[in-house]
Protein backbone atom coordinates (compact mmCIF):
# COMPACT_ATOMS: atom_id res chain seq x y z
CA MET A 1 41.50 8.35 3.89
CA THR A 2 42.25 10.55 0.91
CA ALA A 3 45.45 10.69 -1.13
CA ASP A 4 46.34 13.90 0.73
CA ASP A 5 46.42 11.97 4.02
CA LEU A 6 48.85 9.29 2.84
CA PRO A 7 52.25 9.33 4.55
CA ALA A 8 55.29 10.04 2.42
CA ARG A 9 56.37 6.38 2.53
CA SER A 10 53.13 5.50 0.68
CA ARG A 11 53.87 7.90 -2.13
CA ILE A 12 53.80 6.99 -5.80
CA ARG A 13 57.35 6.42 -7.00
CA LYS A 14 58.78 8.37 -9.88
CA THR A 15 59.02 6.24 -12.99
CA VAL A 16 61.17 6.33 -16.09
CA GLY A 17 59.21 7.21 -19.20
CA ARG A 18 58.42 10.20 -21.35
CA PRO A 19 60.33 13.42 -20.68
CA ARG A 20 58.74 15.42 -17.88
CA ASP A 21 56.41 18.22 -18.98
CA GLY A 22 57.80 21.39 -17.48
CA GLY A 23 54.55 23.17 -18.20
CA ILE A 24 52.76 20.98 -15.66
CA ASP A 25 55.42 21.73 -13.04
CA THR A 26 55.00 25.47 -13.56
CA ALA A 27 51.21 25.29 -13.47
CA VAL A 28 51.20 23.17 -10.31
CA ILE A 29 53.64 25.41 -8.44
CA GLY A 30 51.62 28.46 -9.43
CA ALA A 31 48.41 26.81 -8.28
CA VAL A 32 49.91 25.87 -4.92
CA ARG A 33 51.18 29.39 -4.30
CA ALA A 34 47.80 30.90 -5.15
CA LEU A 35 45.87 28.41 -3.03
CA LEU A 36 48.14 28.90 -0.03
CA VAL A 37 47.32 32.59 0.02
CA GLU A 38 43.61 31.96 -0.57
CA ALA A 39 43.01 28.99 1.74
CA GLY A 40 46.03 28.57 3.99
CA TYR A 41 48.13 25.45 4.46
CA ALA A 42 45.33 23.25 5.75
CA GLY A 43 43.04 24.29 2.93
CA VAL A 44 45.41 23.16 0.17
CA THR A 45 44.68 19.67 -1.16
CA VAL A 46 46.34 17.86 -4.03
CA ALA A 47 42.93 17.43 -5.66
CA TRP A 48 42.31 21.17 -5.54
CA VAL A 49 45.80 21.90 -6.85
CA ALA A 50 45.26 19.49 -9.73
CA GLN A 51 41.97 21.15 -10.66
CA ARG A 52 43.45 24.64 -10.51
CA ALA A 53 46.53 23.60 -12.53
CA GLY A 54 44.52 21.70 -15.16
CA THR A 55 46.20 18.37 -14.48
CA THR A 56 45.60 15.20 -12.44
CA LYS A 57 46.54 14.05 -8.95
CA THR A 58 48.47 11.17 -10.51
CA ALA A 59 50.61 13.61 -12.49
CA ILE A 60 51.33 15.58 -9.32
CA TYR A 61 52.27 12.50 -7.29
CA ARG A 62 54.66 11.45 -10.05
CA ARG A 63 56.54 14.68 -9.40
CA TRP A 64 56.10 15.29 -5.67
CA GLU A 65 56.05 12.63 -2.99
CA SER A 66 53.45 14.25 -0.74
CA LYS A 67 51.62 17.49 -0.05
CA PRO A 68 54.37 18.82 2.28
CA HIS A 69 57.02 18.17 -0.39
CA LEU A 70 54.91 20.05 -2.91
CA ILE A 71 54.32 23.00 -0.61
CA HIS A 72 57.99 23.12 0.34
CA ASP A 73 59.02 23.40 -3.31
CA ALA A 74 56.35 26.01 -4.02
CA THR A 75 57.48 28.07 -1.03
CA PHE A 76 61.27 27.68 -0.94
CA GLY A 77 62.16 26.24 -4.35
CA ARG A 78 63.85 29.42 -5.54
CA PHE A 79 65.85 29.65 -2.32
CA THR A 80 67.71 26.35 -2.66
CA THR A 81 70.76 27.89 -4.33
CA LEU A 82 72.72 31.03 -3.60
CA VAL A 83 72.69 33.98 -5.92
CA PRO A 84 76.03 34.67 -7.70
CA GLN A 85 78.80 35.86 -5.42
CA THR A 86 79.19 39.62 -5.32
CA GLY A 87 82.79 39.76 -4.12
CA PRO A 88 83.49 41.00 -0.57
CA LEU A 89 81.85 39.00 2.23
CA ALA A 90 80.02 42.05 3.56
CA ALA A 91 78.27 42.48 0.20
CA ASP A 92 77.39 38.78 0.13
CA LEU A 93 75.87 39.01 3.61
CA ALA A 94 73.74 41.95 2.51
CA GLN A 95 72.58 40.00 -0.53
CA MET A 96 71.71 36.96 1.59
CA VAL A 97 69.67 39.10 3.95
CA ASP A 98 67.83 40.65 1.01
CA GLU A 99 66.99 37.17 -0.31
CA VAL A 100 65.69 36.03 3.08
CA CYS A 101 63.57 39.18 3.40
CA GLU A 102 62.09 38.56 -0.04
CA VAL A 103 61.24 34.92 0.70
CA PHE A 104 59.85 35.41 4.19
CA GLY A 105 58.13 38.63 3.24
CA SER A 106 55.99 36.71 0.76
CA PRO A 107 52.38 35.95 1.73
CA VAL A 108 52.99 32.45 0.33
CA THR A 109 55.70 31.79 2.91
CA ARG A 110 53.63 33.26 5.73
CA ALA A 111 50.74 30.95 4.84
CA ALA A 112 52.90 27.84 4.42
CA LEU A 113 55.32 28.14 7.32
CA PRO A 114 53.26 26.98 10.35
CA GLY A 115 51.86 23.90 8.62
CA LEU A 116 55.16 22.98 7.02
CA ILE A 117 56.98 23.16 10.36
CA ALA A 118 54.31 20.96 11.94
CA ASP A 119 54.67 18.38 9.16
CA MET A 120 58.45 18.42 9.51
CA ALA A 121 58.12 17.67 13.22
CA ALA A 122 55.64 14.85 12.59
CA ASP A 123 57.33 13.15 9.63
CA PRO A 124 61.09 12.47 9.51
CA VAL A 125 60.89 11.93 5.74
CA VAL A 126 59.55 15.45 5.23
CA HIS A 127 62.12 16.79 7.69
CA GLN A 128 64.98 15.22 5.75
CA ARG A 129 63.55 16.41 2.43
CA VAL A 130 63.59 20.00 3.67
CA LEU A 131 67.18 19.67 4.87
CA ASP A 132 68.22 18.12 1.57
CA GLY A 133 66.58 21.01 -0.28
CA PHE A 134 68.86 23.50 1.43
CA ALA A 135 72.05 21.44 1.12
CA ASN A 136 73.39 23.57 -1.75
CA VAL A 137 72.80 26.73 0.27
CA PHE A 138 74.64 25.35 3.29
CA GLY A 139 77.53 24.21 1.12
CA GLY A 140 77.66 27.48 -0.76
CA VAL A 141 77.81 29.53 2.44
CA ALA A 142 80.64 27.35 3.75
CA GLN A 143 82.61 27.89 0.52
CA ARG A 144 82.12 31.64 0.64
CA LEU A 145 83.19 31.86 4.27
CA GLU A 146 86.31 29.84 3.54
CA ALA A 147 87.15 32.16 0.63
CA ALA A 148 86.56 35.17 2.89
CA ARG A 149 88.82 33.61 5.51
CA THR A 150 91.58 33.31 2.91
CA ARG A 151 91.11 36.99 2.02
CA GLY A 152 91.26 38.00 5.67
CA GLU A 153 87.67 39.31 5.69
CA ILE A 154 86.23 37.13 8.41
CA ARG A 155 86.68 36.62 12.13
CA ASP A 156 88.29 33.40 13.30
CA GLY A 157 85.96 30.61 14.35
CA VAL A 158 82.91 31.67 12.33
CA ASP A 159 80.80 28.57 11.72
CA PRO A 160 78.74 28.60 8.48
CA ALA A 161 76.00 26.45 10.05
CA ILE A 162 75.61 28.93 12.92
CA LEU A 163 75.54 31.84 10.47
CA ILE A 164 72.69 30.18 8.55
CA GLU A 165 70.84 29.42 11.79
CA MET A 166 71.16 33.02 12.90
CA LEU A 167 69.73 34.34 9.64
CA GLY A 168 67.13 31.70 8.78
CA GLY A 169 66.12 30.99 12.36
CA ALA A 170 65.59 34.65 13.11
CA ALA A 171 63.42 35.03 10.00
CA ILE A 172 61.31 31.99 10.91
CA LEU A 173 60.82 33.05 14.54
CA HIS A 174 59.96 36.64 13.63
CA THR A 175 57.49 35.52 10.97
CA LEU A 176 55.77 33.03 13.28
CA THR A 177 55.64 35.53 16.15
CA TYR A 178 54.57 38.67 14.32
CA GLY A 179 53.13 37.34 11.06
CA ARG A 180 55.53 39.26 8.85
CA LEU A 181 59.01 40.79 8.65
CA ASP A 182 58.77 44.49 9.41
CA ASP A 183 60.51 47.03 7.20
CA GLY A 184 63.56 47.43 9.43
CA TRP A 185 64.13 43.75 10.21
CA GLY A 186 66.65 43.17 7.43
CA ALA A 187 68.81 46.13 8.39
CA ARG A 188 68.88 45.08 12.05
CA ILE A 189 69.81 41.49 11.26
CA LEU A 190 72.47 42.57 8.78
CA ALA A 191 74.08 44.83 11.40
CA LEU A 192 74.21 41.94 13.88
CA LEU A 193 75.67 39.54 11.31
CA GLU A 194 78.30 42.03 10.19
CA ALA A 195 79.34 42.65 13.80
CA ALA A 196 79.54 38.92 14.47
CA VAL A 197 81.28 37.88 11.26
CA VAL A 198 83.37 40.78 9.94
CA GLY A 199 83.23 43.40 12.70
CA ASP A 200 86.68 43.02 14.20
CA VAL A 201 88.24 42.63 10.74
CA ARG A 202 86.86 46.03 9.70
CA ARG A 203 88.26 47.63 12.83
CA ALA A 204 91.70 46.11 12.30
């Protein structure tokens, strides 16, 4: 058994010591993204990432608990917070759709997604880590919907969790089914979301 095969519960724990070297983090994330495109999810190993990044497996395991955690951060790390609010809810929805299209349109995401989903299904620790990574997004969407409700921009009964599932779930399913998001996908999804969330308010 190699270090890559170890379950998350066998991971090396983070320790208190010298300040973390951000240069290593950047190099590792860059190496993972490049290797995903070159070799696919199954072809990425921590040893190979360490060699490409000019560091050691020990240094990587001090920062990331397992290979799936590392690949999750390399794939979705920039999508764990919302971009600054634009104002009206309709503009925010458009911005969210643009962000999702950018993330799921990336060859890195397309390479990582099938393996990451399989690891989430097999390991509850990985599953929870992914959910925790998006906690700020879920909370941010809920806050924006509540503000839009106060401004009278949103239909009654709109659930932020369902809104996220509609957007993220559609992107995941389309990517897994067709391998990529086609050029018109974002516009179609945005039209559906606007009709579901703000449609009757606009007509009022």
